[in-house]
Amino acid sequence: MSAARIHSYARIAKSRRFRDELRTRGAVKSVMTRATRNHAAFGRGFTLLELAVVMFLMALIMLIALPYLGSLQPALMRSEARRLASRANYLYQEAGAQKVLIRLTFDLDNNGYYVTRLDPFAARPVFMPEGGPAGVRVIMPVGVRIRDVWVEGVGAVNRGQVSTQFYPSGYVDATVVHLTDANGEVFTLAIDPFTGRVSIANGDMPPPRRGVY
C-alpha cells in the first residue's frame, strides 16, 4: 500500500473520531441541559396561582364535608346513650344477683361517670371501685356532654357529683339523664326504678312526677 493511501485512511479515521467525539459531547450537553431545566423547575416552588388553587380546593372540600361531619354528632351521642343504658341495665342485674349495693356516680364537672359497690355483709362496709368492664371509668367524647342528672330524692344536678343506687332488693333510684351535643341536640335517658329498664328518647324530657314515666 502506498504512503499516500495510508495517509488518506489516517485522515478519514481521525475525521470520524472527531465527529464521534462531537456527537458524544453534544449528547452529554443535552442531558445536562435537560437535568438543569428539570432541577430549576423542581426547585422553583409554588407560584401564587398554584397556592391559590390549592387553597380553593381545600376550602371546597371542607364546605362539602362539613354537613356530613355535623351529622356525626347525633350518632355519637346516641352511641354514648346506649353505652350508658347498657351499663345501667347490667348494674341492676348485678346488684340483685350478688346482693350488693352498687352506686353509679355521675361526675358532671369531668363529664363522665364511674361505678362503685358496697358489700353490706362485709366487716367494714365501704364503697369500693367496681371491678371488670363495668367498673371502667367513662369520659364522654368531645362534643357530647352530660347536661344534668335528676335522681329521685335528690333533684336535678348540673354540677359536681350525684349518684344513682342499685339495691340488692331489685330496686334502683329513679333517674333521668340529659345528654347534649355541640349542635344543641338532646337525648333523655330514664331508668325505671322497679325494672331497671332504661328508655332513650330523642328530645328534652322532664323528670317524672312519681319517679316513673
Protein backbone atom coordinates (compact mmCIF):
# COMPACT_ATOMS: atom_id res chain seq x y z
CA MET A 1 0.00 0.00 0.00
CA SER A 2 1.35 3.39 -0.91
CA ALA A 3 2.16 6.05 1.66
CA ALA A 4 -0.43 8.42 0.18
CA ARG A 5 -3.22 5.90 0.61
CA ILE A 6 -2.17 5.17 4.19
CA HIS A 7 -2.15 8.90 4.92
CA SER A 8 -5.63 9.23 3.41
CA TYR A 9 -7.00 6.41 5.59
CA ALA A 10 -5.49 8.04 8.68
CA ARG A 11 -7.18 11.36 7.87
CA ILE A 12 -10.54 9.64 7.41
CA ALA A 13 -10.22 7.76 10.72
CA LYS A 14 -9.22 10.92 12.51
CA SER A 15 -12.18 12.76 10.98
CA ARG A 16 -14.58 10.03 12.12
CA ARG A 17 -13.19 10.06 15.68
CA PHE A 18 -13.61 13.84 15.71
CA ARG A 19 -17.23 13.57 14.58
CA ASP A 20 -17.95 10.85 17.17
CA GLU A 21 -16.40 13.00 19.88
CA LEU A 22 -18.54 15.94 18.84
CA ARG A 23 -21.66 13.77 18.94
CA THR A 24 -20.77 12.47 22.42
CA ARG A 25 -20.16 15.98 23.72
CA GLY A 26 -23.44 17.13 22.22
CA ALA A 27 -25.36 14.30 23.85
CA VAL A 28 -23.78 14.95 27.24
CA LYS A 29 -24.50 18.65 26.94
CA SER A 30 -28.13 17.92 26.00
CA VAL A 31 -28.58 15.63 29.01
CA MET A 32 -27.01 18.19 31.34
CA THR A 33 -29.21 20.92 29.91
CA ARG A 34 -32.39 18.87 30.48
CA ALA A 35 -31.28 17.99 34.01
CA THR A 36 -30.58 21.63 34.76
CA ARG A 37 -34.00 22.65 33.46
CA ASN A 38 -35.74 19.92 35.47
CA HIS A 39 -33.86 20.90 38.61
CA ALA A 40 -34.77 24.52 38.10
CA ALA A 41 -38.41 23.63 37.55
CA PHE A 42 -38.46 21.39 40.64
CA GLY A 43 -36.77 23.87 42.90
CA ARG A 44 -38.70 26.97 41.97
CA GLY A 45 -41.53 26.18 44.48
CA PHE A 46 -45.22 27.03 44.08
CA THR A 47 -46.43 30.17 42.38
CA LEU A 48 -49.14 32.34 43.92
CA LEU A 49 -51.62 30.99 41.39
CA GLU A 50 -50.86 27.39 42.33
CA LEU A 51 -51.20 28.19 46.04
CA ALA A 52 -54.50 29.93 45.38
CA VAL A 53 -55.81 26.87 43.52
CA VAL A 54 -54.75 24.54 46.36
CA MET A 55 -56.43 26.75 48.98
CA PHE A 56 -59.60 26.93 46.89
CA LEU A 57 -59.75 23.13 46.58
CA MET A 58 -59.21 22.69 50.34
CA ALA A 59 -61.99 25.17 51.11
CA LEU A 60 -64.30 23.40 48.66
CA ILE A 61 -63.61 20.01 50.27
CA MET A 62 -64.30 21.40 53.75
CA LEU A 63 -67.52 23.00 52.52
CA ILE A 64 -68.71 19.67 51.17
CA ALA A 65 -67.59 17.67 54.22
CA LEU A 66 -68.99 19.93 56.98
CA PRO A 67 -72.62 18.78 56.67
CA TYR A 68 -71.50 15.17 56.97
CA LEU A 69 -69.32 15.97 59.98
CA GLY A 70 -72.26 17.68 61.65
CA SER A 71 -74.44 14.63 61.14
CA LEU A 72 -71.94 12.50 63.08
CA GLN A 73 -72.68 14.29 66.36
CA PRO A 74 -76.17 12.81 66.93
CA ALA A 75 -74.85 9.35 66.04
CA LEU A 76 -72.03 9.75 68.56
CA MET A 77 -74.42 10.91 71.27
CA ARG A 78 -76.78 8.02 70.50
CA SER A 79 -73.86 5.60 70.87
CA GLU A 80 -72.95 7.08 74.27
CA ALA A 81 -76.59 6.92 75.38
CA ARG A 82 -76.73 3.22 74.50
CA ARG A 83 -73.50 2.53 76.34
CA LEU A 84 -74.83 4.23 79.48
CA ALA A 85 -78.11 2.34 79.19
CA SER A 86 -76.28 -0.98 78.86
CA ARG A 87 -74.16 -0.17 81.90
CA ALA A 88 -77.23 0.68 83.99
CA ASN A 89 -79.06 -2.49 82.93
CA TYR A 90 -76.05 -4.60 83.87
CA LEU A 91 -75.68 -2.91 87.27
CA TYR A 92 -79.34 -3.53 88.05
CA GLN A 93 -78.93 -7.25 87.33
CA GLU A 94 -75.61 -7.44 89.17
CA ALA A 95 -76.92 -5.79 92.35
CA GLY A 96 -79.76 -8.31 92.63
CA ALA A 97 -77.66 -11.34 91.75
CA GLN A 98 -74.71 -10.52 94.02
CA LYS A 99 -76.82 -8.99 96.82
CA VAL A 100 -74.69 -5.87 96.94
CA LEU A 101 -75.37 -2.16 96.79
CA ILE A 102 -73.98 -0.62 93.59
CA ARG A 103 -73.59 3.08 93.01
CA LEU A 104 -73.42 4.74 89.59
CA THR A 105 -71.86 8.16 90.15
CA PHE A 106 -72.14 10.92 87.57
CA ASP A 107 -69.20 13.33 87.64
CA LEU A 108 -70.62 16.33 85.83
CA ASP A 109 -67.56 18.54 86.34
CA ASN A 110 -65.44 15.99 84.46
CA ASN A 111 -68.22 14.95 82.07
CA GLY A 112 -68.17 11.25 82.92
CA TYR A 113 -69.32 8.53 85.31
CA TYR A 114 -67.93 5.63 87.31
CA VAL A 115 -69.16 2.67 89.39
CA THR A 116 -68.53 1.59 92.98
CA ARG A 117 -70.04 -1.19 95.11
CA LEU A 118 -70.66 -1.86 98.79
CA ASP A 119 -70.92 -5.31 100.35
CA PRO A 120 -73.46 -4.90 103.20
CA PHE A 121 -72.21 -8.12 104.82
CA ALA A 122 -68.56 -7.07 104.95
CA ALA A 123 -66.89 -6.42 108.31
CA ARG A 124 -66.43 -2.80 107.38
CA PRO A 125 -68.89 -1.94 104.61
CA VAL A 126 -67.39 0.69 102.33
CA PHE A 127 -67.86 1.60 98.69
CA MET A 128 -65.03 0.20 96.58
CA PRO A 129 -64.33 0.62 92.85
CA GLU A 130 -66.21 -1.89 90.74
CA GLY A 131 -64.01 -4.45 89.01
CA GLY A 132 -64.25 -5.76 85.47
CA PRO A 133 -65.53 -3.94 82.38
CA ALA A 134 -68.45 -2.43 84.31
CA GLY A 135 -66.02 -0.60 86.57
CA VAL A 136 -64.19 1.25 83.81
CA ARG A 137 -64.49 5.00 84.28
CA VAL A 138 -66.19 6.64 81.29
CA ILE A 139 -65.41 10.12 79.99
CA MET A 140 -67.71 11.48 77.33
CA PRO A 141 -66.10 12.16 73.95
CA VAL A 142 -65.57 15.67 72.65
CA GLY A 143 -68.87 17.13 71.51
CA VAL A 144 -71.06 15.13 73.91
CA ARG A 145 -71.86 16.42 77.40
CA ILE A 146 -73.88 15.27 80.41
CA ARG A 147 -76.05 18.36 80.82
CA ASP A 148 -77.79 17.36 84.05
CA VAL A 149 -78.92 14.37 86.10
CA TRP A 150 -82.12 14.06 88.10
CA VAL A 151 -82.24 11.44 90.88
CA GLU A 152 -85.31 10.64 92.95
CA GLY A 153 -84.98 12.18 96.40
CA VAL A 154 -82.10 14.43 95.31
CA GLY A 155 -83.43 16.51 92.44
CA ALA A 156 -81.72 17.86 89.34
CA VAL A 157 -77.96 18.37 89.46
CA ASN A 158 -75.85 20.06 86.77
CA ARG A 159 -72.51 20.32 88.55
CA GLY A 160 -70.44 18.30 90.98
CA GLN A 161 -71.38 14.65 91.53
CA VAL A 162 -74.62 12.78 92.01
CA SER A 163 -75.20 9.03 92.43
CA THR A 164 -77.86 6.54 91.41
CA GLN A 165 -78.00 3.47 93.66
CA PHE A 166 -78.91 -0.07 92.64
CA TYR A 167 -80.20 -2.06 95.61
CA PRO A 168 -79.97 -5.82 96.35
CA SER A 169 -83.75 -5.97 96.62
CA GLY A 170 -84.16 -5.26 92.90
CA TYR A 171 -84.85 -1.54 93.14
CA VAL A 172 -82.95 1.42 91.70
CA ASP A 173 -83.29 5.14 92.27
CA ALA A 174 -85.45 6.64 89.54
CA THR A 175 -83.01 8.60 87.37
CA VAL A 176 -83.21 10.90 84.36
CA VAL A 177 -80.07 11.87 82.44
CA HIS A 178 -79.88 14.51 79.74
CA LEU A 179 -77.10 14.29 77.14
CA THR A 180 -76.45 17.12 74.71
CA ASP A 181 -74.08 17.71 71.81
CA ALA A 182 -72.42 20.69 70.15
CA ASN A 183 -75.44 21.21 67.88
CA GLY A 184 -77.83 21.55 70.82
CA GLU A 185 -79.49 18.16 70.27
CA VAL A 186 -80.68 16.48 73.48
CA PHE A 187 -81.17 12.83 74.39
CA THR A 188 -83.07 11.80 77.53
CA LEU A 189 -82.32 8.56 79.39
CA ALA A 190 -84.77 7.41 82.10
CA ILE A 191 -84.13 4.49 84.48
CA ASP A 192 -87.25 2.70 85.68
CA PRO A 193 -86.90 2.12 89.46
CA PHE A 194 -88.78 -1.20 89.51
CA THR A 195 -87.42 -2.95 86.42
CA GLY A 196 -84.10 -1.21 85.88
CA ARG A 197 -85.03 -0.76 82.25
CA VAL A 198 -83.52 2.31 80.59
CA SER A 199 -85.52 4.16 77.96
CA ILE A 200 -83.87 6.52 75.49
CA ALA A 201 -85.82 9.37 73.94
CA ASN A 202 -84.80 11.97 71.40
CA GLY A 203 -85.54 15.34 72.95
CA ASP A 204 -85.58 17.10 76.30
CA MET A 205 -87.99 15.24 78.58
CA PRO A 206 -88.61 16.48 82.16
CA PRO A 207 -88.31 14.18 85.21
CA PRO A 208 -91.41 12.10 86.07
CA ARG A 209 -93.74 13.22 88.82
CA ARG A 210 -93.67 9.97 90.79
CA GLY A 211 -90.35 8.52 89.69
CA VAL A 212 -91.86 6.60 86.75
CA TYR A 213 -92.81 7.81 83.28
